[in-house]
Amino acid sequence: MSCRGFSASITDLGGISDGKSSNTKAFQDAVNHLSQYASDGGAELYVPAGQWLTGSFSLTSDFTLYLHKDAVLLASQDMKEWLVLKALPSYGQGRDAAGGMFASLIFGINLTDVIVTDRFLN
């Protein structure tokens, strides 16, 4: 049961839950694909049980990221898997990376109606 108009599993969109394979591209491609449903009630990305190695990825508005209670997101140790965001003036330049700062594992900019959960909403 989903509160969104469309739902898909990360496994249907290329995700592998072995704790070793990078899922950064699968997560970002899934979010990008599901963003087309924003005007039709939004979309939900289901992450089943398993260990999901990933670098940073951004969410979109009108979106639910639903993690199974036994799903674990593992942060990649490969710095190439992390997006570098333009530094805000108050942060200065190069504190994290040349010309910017690393994004959080899951992030978004100017988002509305975003839910990250490990249980269904009633």
Protein backbone atom coordinates (compact mmCIF):
# COMPACT_ATOMS: atom_id res chain seq x y z
CA MET A 1 0.00 0.00 0.00
CA SER A 2 1.45 3.33 -1.07
CA CYS A 3 0.29 6.90 -0.53
CA ARG A 4 1.67 7.78 -3.97
CA GLY A 5 0.26 7.34 -7.45
CA PHE A 6 3.12 5.12 -8.59
CA SER A 7 5.50 2.74 -6.80
CA ALA A 8 8.63 0.88 -7.92
CA SER A 9 11.33 -1.21 -6.26
CA ILE A 10 15.01 -0.33 -6.54
CA THR A 11 15.58 -3.96 -7.64
CA ASP A 12 13.34 -3.39 -10.67
CA LEU A 13 15.51 -0.41 -11.58
CA GLY A 14 18.93 -2.05 -11.35
CA GLY A 15 19.70 -2.13 -7.61
CA ILE A 16 21.76 -4.98 -6.12
CA SER A 17 21.66 -5.64 -2.37
CA ASP A 18 24.91 -7.52 -1.85
CA GLY A 19 26.65 -4.78 0.18
CA LYS A 20 29.51 -4.69 -2.36
CA SER A 21 28.04 -3.49 -5.65
CA SER A 22 27.63 0.26 -6.09
CA ASN A 23 24.00 1.37 -6.28
CA THR A 24 24.66 5.10 -6.66
CA LYS A 25 23.64 5.14 -10.32
CA ALA A 26 20.64 2.86 -9.66
CA PHE A 27 19.32 5.15 -6.90
CA GLN A 28 19.79 8.34 -8.90
CA ASP A 29 18.37 6.80 -12.09
CA ALA A 30 15.37 5.49 -10.11
CA VAL A 31 14.66 8.91 -8.58
CA ASN A 32 15.05 10.58 -11.98
CA HIS A 33 12.71 8.04 -13.60
CA LEU A 34 10.10 8.32 -10.83
CA SER A 35 10.15 12.12 -10.90
CA GLN A 36 7.95 11.97 -14.03
CA TYR A 37 5.02 10.99 -11.77
CA ALA A 38 5.14 14.13 -9.60
CA SER A 39 2.01 15.61 -11.16
CA ASP A 40 0.12 12.30 -10.93
CA GLY A 41 0.27 11.92 -7.15
CA GLY A 42 4.01 11.43 -6.89
CA ALA A 43 6.01 8.23 -6.64
CA GLU A 44 7.48 5.88 -4.08
CA LEU A 45 10.80 4.06 -4.31
CA TYR A 46 10.77 0.85 -2.27
CA VAL A 47 14.10 -0.44 -0.94
CA PRO A 48 13.77 -4.09 0.16
CA ALA A 49 15.76 -5.81 2.89
CA GLY A 50 19.48 -6.04 2.18
CA GLN A 51 22.66 -4.01 2.23
CA TRP A 52 22.69 -1.23 -0.34
CA LEU A 53 26.08 0.36 -1.01
CA THR A 54 25.69 3.87 -2.41
CA GLY A 55 27.21 7.28 -2.68
CA SER A 56 25.10 10.42 -2.42
CA PHE A 57 21.88 10.78 -4.40
CA SER A 58 19.28 13.50 -4.55
CA LEU A 59 15.54 13.16 -4.06
CA THR A 60 12.79 14.96 -5.94
CA SER A 61 9.55 16.59 -4.79
CA ASP A 62 6.35 14.54 -4.36
CA PHE A 63 8.42 11.50 -3.48
CA THR A 64 8.55 8.78 -0.83
CA LEU A 65 11.68 6.75 -0.10
CA TYR A 66 10.39 3.65 1.69
CA LEU A 67 13.05 1.51 3.36
CA HIS A 68 12.16 -2.01 4.52
CA LYS A 69 12.93 -2.36 8.23
CA ASP A 70 15.88 -4.63 7.31
CA ALA A 71 17.23 -2.39 4.52
CA VAL A 72 20.61 -0.82 5.31
CA LEU A 73 22.13 1.98 3.23
CA LEU A 74 25.91 1.70 3.31
CA ALA A 75 27.84 4.87 2.48
CA SER A 76 30.43 4.28 -0.23
CA GLN A 77 34.01 5.03 0.73
CA ASP A 78 34.80 5.95 -2.88
CA MET A 79 34.84 9.76 -3.02
CA LYS A 80 33.97 9.62 -6.75
CA GLU A 81 30.52 8.33 -5.68
CA TRP A 82 29.75 11.57 -3.80
CA LEU A 83 28.36 14.69 -5.43
CA VAL A 84 30.17 17.94 -4.75
CA LEU A 85 27.80 20.87 -4.25
CA LYS A 86 28.64 24.49 -4.80
CA ALA A 87 29.77 25.95 -1.48
CA LEU A 88 27.55 28.52 0.16
CA PRO A 89 29.30 31.82 0.91
CA SER A 90 29.14 31.17 4.65
CA TYR A 91 30.99 27.86 4.26
CA GLY A 92 33.96 29.20 2.35
CA GLN A 93 35.71 27.39 -0.47
CA GLY A 94 37.33 23.99 -0.35
CA ARG A 95 36.44 22.87 3.17
CA ASP A 96 35.35 19.46 1.90
CA ALA A 97 36.37 19.38 -1.73
CA ALA A 98 37.88 21.75 -4.23
CA GLY A 99 35.32 24.44 -4.99
CA GLY A 100 32.52 23.00 -2.86
CA MET A 101 31.35 20.57 -0.25
CA PHE A 102 30.24 16.95 -0.40
CA ALA A 103 26.49 16.31 -0.44
CA SER A 104 24.83 14.29 2.29
CA LEU A 105 24.09 10.64 1.56
CA ILE A 106 20.45 11.52 0.75
CA PHE A 107 19.74 15.14 -0.07
CA GLY A 108 17.59 17.48 -2.11
CA ILE A 109 17.28 21.13 -3.00
CA ASN A 110 14.02 23.13 -2.79
CA LEU A 111 11.92 20.03 -2.20
CA THR A 112 8.25 19.79 -1.24
CA ASP A 113 6.23 16.78 -0.08
CA VAL A 114 9.09 14.34 0.59
CA ILE A 115 8.80 11.36 2.94
CA VAL A 116 11.61 9.03 4.05
CA THR A 117 10.20 6.18 6.09
CA ASP A 118 10.65 2.58 7.18
CA ARG A 119 6.95 1.90 7.71
CA PHE A 120 3.74 2.51 5.85
CA LEU A 121 1.77 5.59 6.74
CA ASN A 122 -1.85 5.20 7.88
